[in-house]
Amino acid sequence: AAAAIVGIVASRRGALAARGCDRGASRVRGPTRRPPRRLARMEPRPDEFRRVMGHFATGVSVVTTYEPDGGRPAGITVNAFSSVSLEPPLVMVALDRRRFITPMVRSAGRYAVNVLGEDQQALSDCFAHAPVSPGREAFCGATWHPGPAGLPLIEGAIATLECTVVETFSAGDHDLFIGRVDSLDEHREGVA
């Protein structure tokens, strides 16, 4: 009789173990989860993507450097500007490879960021290549001076940073320029 009871217990444990319900096995509680269903990849149109991303409020800045001959300043409005690291101080600007200034920054290995205030909309529009006079080819008529590191800084900007490129990453149709901050200054109160 004892052998029969041991046999029944052993077969019962075997059946429970097969179902993952023995005392040594962990039990699954709740409904079993299915892997998430993969949706078909959707490729948004560039105009649609720009419109949707336009809902994210960003500050406006103008990236400046010198033309290849080293004489005249050049600038372009950007909103893809971000701090990357505090130690060492690093920032990032994203520049479309098709824009005139991208090869200048790549070649010079340096750029300045001029954070504009809300009262500098006309300057922002001009550096974004709006049809105004004087135009971007005349540095939008902006008054500027060389900063401590020698890069062109726009007078009246809220803040300025002069940077040396330490890394460049390719991302889609843009180059991301990671710059070590060589000099920075906060010139006035304001909101970008």
Protein backbone atom coordinates (compact mmCIF):
# COMPACT_ATOMS: atom_id res chain seq x y z
CA ALA A 1 0.00 0.00 0.00
CA ALA A 2 2.84 2.38 0.84
CA ALA A 3 4.45 1.69 -2.54
CA ALA A 4 1.14 2.45 -4.26
CA ILE A 5 0.81 5.78 -2.40
CA VAL A 6 4.42 6.75 -3.30
CA GLY A 7 3.68 5.87 -6.93
CA ILE A 8 0.51 8.02 -6.98
CA VAL A 9 2.33 10.98 -5.36
CA ALA A 10 5.24 10.64 -7.80
CA SER A 11 2.94 10.50 -10.83
CA ARG A 12 0.94 13.46 -9.49
CA ARG A 13 4.18 15.48 -9.01
CA GLY A 14 5.27 14.51 -12.52
CA ALA A 15 1.99 15.78 -13.96
CA LEU A 16 2.21 19.03 -11.97
CA ALA A 17 5.86 19.52 -12.95
CA ALA A 18 4.97 19.01 -16.60
CA ARG A 19 2.46 21.85 -16.27
CA GLY A 20 4.97 24.02 -14.32
CA CYS A 21 2.96 23.78 -11.12
CA ASP A 22 5.21 21.85 -8.80
CA ARG A 23 6.47 23.47 -5.63
CA GLY A 24 9.99 23.98 -7.01
CA ALA A 25 8.81 25.76 -10.18
CA SER A 26 7.81 29.40 -10.31
CA ARG A 27 4.20 29.93 -11.16
CA VAL A 28 2.98 32.27 -13.83
CA ARG A 29 0.26 34.47 -12.48
CA GLY A 30 -2.27 36.33 -14.56
CA PRO A 31 -2.91 35.99 -18.26
CA THR A 32 -0.09 34.94 -20.50
CA ARG A 33 1.32 37.83 -22.48
CA ARG A 34 1.55 37.73 -26.21
CA PRO A 35 4.32 39.61 -27.96
CA PRO A 36 3.13 43.02 -29.19
CA ARG A 37 1.77 43.03 -32.71
CA ARG A 38 4.12 44.78 -35.12
CA LEU A 39 2.54 47.48 -37.19
CA ALA A 40 3.55 48.17 -40.75
CA ARG A 41 6.27 50.82 -40.93
CA MET A 42 4.86 54.22 -41.79
CA GLU A 43 7.08 56.78 -43.48
CA PRO A 44 5.82 60.32 -42.75
CA ARG A 45 6.14 62.91 -45.49
CA PRO A 46 8.76 65.62 -44.81
CA ASP A 47 6.15 68.41 -44.78
CA GLU A 48 3.97 66.43 -42.35
CA PHE A 49 6.96 65.67 -40.09
CA ARG A 50 8.01 69.35 -40.06
CA ARG A 51 4.45 70.46 -39.21
CA VAL A 52 4.12 68.00 -36.31
CA MET A 53 7.59 68.75 -34.91
CA GLY A 54 6.79 72.47 -35.16
CA HIS A 55 4.53 72.03 -32.14
CA PHE A 56 7.63 71.55 -29.95
CA ALA A 57 8.69 74.99 -28.78
CA THR A 58 12.40 75.61 -29.10
CA GLY A 59 14.61 78.60 -28.68
CA VAL A 60 16.00 80.21 -31.79
CA SER A 61 19.68 80.67 -32.38
CA VAL A 62 21.97 81.64 -35.20
CA VAL A 63 25.07 79.55 -35.84
CA THR A 64 27.92 81.68 -37.14
CA THR A 65 31.39 81.08 -38.52
CA TYR A 66 33.60 82.69 -41.16
CA GLU A 67 33.44 82.15 -44.90
CA PRO A 68 36.33 80.00 -46.20
CA ASP A 69 38.42 83.05 -47.12
CA GLY A 70 38.38 83.89 -43.40
CA GLY A 71 37.06 87.39 -43.86
CA ARG A 72 33.29 87.68 -43.89
CA PRO A 73 31.03 86.20 -41.22
CA ALA A 74 28.27 83.79 -42.24
CA GLY A 75 25.25 82.64 -40.25
CA ILE A 76 22.12 80.52 -40.38
CA THR A 77 19.08 80.19 -38.10
CA VAL A 78 18.84 76.85 -36.29
CA ASN A 79 16.48 75.43 -33.72
CA ALA A 80 18.24 72.08 -33.34
CA PHE A 81 20.66 73.19 -30.64
CA SER A 82 21.13 71.40 -27.33
CA SER A 83 23.48 71.05 -24.42
CA VAL A 84 25.11 67.62 -24.32
CA SER A 85 27.43 67.55 -21.31
CA LEU A 86 28.41 69.73 -18.36
CA GLU A 87 31.85 68.18 -17.81
CA PRO A 88 33.33 68.80 -20.28
CA PRO A 89 30.96 71.50 -21.52
CA LEU A 90 29.59 70.22 -24.84
CA VAL A 91 26.77 71.37 -27.10
CA MET A 92 25.29 70.06 -30.34
CA VAL A 93 23.94 71.79 -33.43
CA ALA A 94 22.27 69.91 -36.26
CA LEU A 95 22.90 71.35 -39.72
CA ASP A 96 21.29 70.20 -42.94
CA ARG A 97 24.05 68.97 -45.27
CA ARG A 98 22.45 70.88 -48.17
CA ARG A 99 22.84 74.26 -46.44
CA PHE A 100 25.66 76.59 -47.41
CA ILE A 101 27.11 76.84 -43.89
CA THR A 102 27.58 73.10 -43.22
CA PRO A 103 30.81 72.73 -45.25
CA MET A 104 32.09 75.96 -43.68
CA VAL A 105 31.63 74.60 -40.14
CA ARG A 106 33.12 71.25 -41.17
CA SER A 107 36.14 72.95 -42.73
CA ALA A 108 36.72 75.50 -39.96
CA GLY A 109 36.10 73.00 -37.16
CA ARG A 110 34.56 75.84 -35.15
CA TYR A 111 31.23 77.62 -34.78
CA ALA A 112 29.48 80.11 -32.54
CA VAL A 113 25.91 79.91 -31.26
CA ASN A 114 24.05 83.19 -30.79
CA VAL A 115 20.87 82.72 -28.74
CA LEU A 116 18.34 85.25 -29.98
CA GLY A 117 15.62 86.90 -27.93
CA GLU A 118 11.97 87.08 -28.88
CA ASP A 119 12.56 90.72 -29.87
CA GLN A 120 14.98 89.57 -32.62
CA GLN A 121 12.43 87.84 -34.87
CA ALA A 122 13.44 89.86 -37.94
CA LEU A 123 17.06 88.79 -37.52
CA SER A 124 15.99 85.17 -37.08
CA ASP A 125 13.87 85.36 -40.25
CA CYS A 126 16.72 86.89 -42.24
CA PHE A 127 19.25 84.22 -41.22
CA ALA A 128 16.57 81.64 -42.10
CA HIS A 129 16.81 83.09 -45.64
CA ALA A 130 13.59 85.11 -45.69
CA PRO A 131 13.41 87.50 -48.65
CA VAL A 132 14.50 90.64 -46.77
CA SER A 133 17.07 93.33 -47.30
CA PRO A 134 19.84 93.37 -46.30
CA GLY A 135 19.93 89.63 -46.80
CA ARG A 136 21.91 86.80 -45.35
CA GLU A 137 24.76 87.41 -47.79
CA ALA A 138 25.23 90.80 -46.04
CA PHE A 139 25.05 89.09 -42.60
CA CYS A 140 21.50 90.45 -42.37
CA GLY A 141 22.91 93.87 -41.51
CA ALA A 142 23.63 92.57 -38.01
CA THR A 143 26.24 94.30 -35.91
CA TRP A 144 28.81 91.78 -34.73
CA HIS A 145 32.22 91.51 -33.13
CA PRO A 146 34.82 88.75 -32.81
CA GLY A 147 34.41 86.89 -29.53
CA PRO A 148 37.20 85.86 -27.14
CA ALA A 149 37.89 82.79 -29.33
CA GLY A 150 37.70 84.90 -32.50
CA LEU A 151 34.31 83.77 -33.88
CA PRO A 152 31.64 86.24 -35.07
CA LEU A 153 29.15 87.06 -32.28
CA ILE A 154 25.92 88.97 -32.94
CA GLU A 155 25.41 92.13 -30.90
CA GLY A 156 22.23 92.05 -28.83
CA ALA A 157 22.04 88.26 -28.52
CA ILE A 158 20.85 86.95 -25.16
CA ALA A 159 23.79 84.60 -24.90
CA THR A 160 26.70 83.44 -27.05
CA LEU A 161 28.91 80.35 -27.10
CA GLU A 162 32.07 79.76 -29.12
CA CYS A 163 32.79 76.10 -29.83
CA THR A 164 35.40 73.79 -31.31
CA VAL A 165 34.04 70.71 -33.08
CA VAL A 166 35.11 67.54 -31.26
CA GLU A 167 32.87 65.03 -33.05
CA THR A 168 30.53 64.95 -36.03
CA PHE A 169 27.75 62.42 -36.55
CA SER A 170 25.72 61.82 -39.66
CA ALA A 171 21.98 61.51 -39.01
CA GLY A 172 19.64 61.36 -41.99
CA ASP A 173 20.10 64.54 -44.05
CA HIS A 174 21.86 66.40 -41.20
CA ASP A 175 25.29 66.48 -39.60
CA LEU A 176 25.37 66.76 -35.82
CA PHE A 177 28.32 68.87 -34.73
CA ILE A 178 29.34 68.26 -31.12
CA GLY A 179 31.26 71.30 -29.94
CA ARG A 180 33.40 71.87 -26.86
CA VAL A 181 32.48 75.27 -25.44
CA ASP A 182 35.57 77.48 -25.49
CA SER A 183 33.86 80.67 -24.34
CA LEU A 184 30.36 81.68 -23.33
CA ASP A 185 28.62 84.78 -22.13
CA GLU A 186 25.15 85.84 -21.03
CA HIS A 187 24.66 89.34 -22.38
CA ARG A 188 21.17 90.24 -21.21
CA GLU A 189 17.98 88.95 -19.68
CA GLY A 190 15.48 87.47 -22.05
CA VAL A 191 13.66 84.46 -23.37
CA ALA A 192 14.67 82.72 -26.56
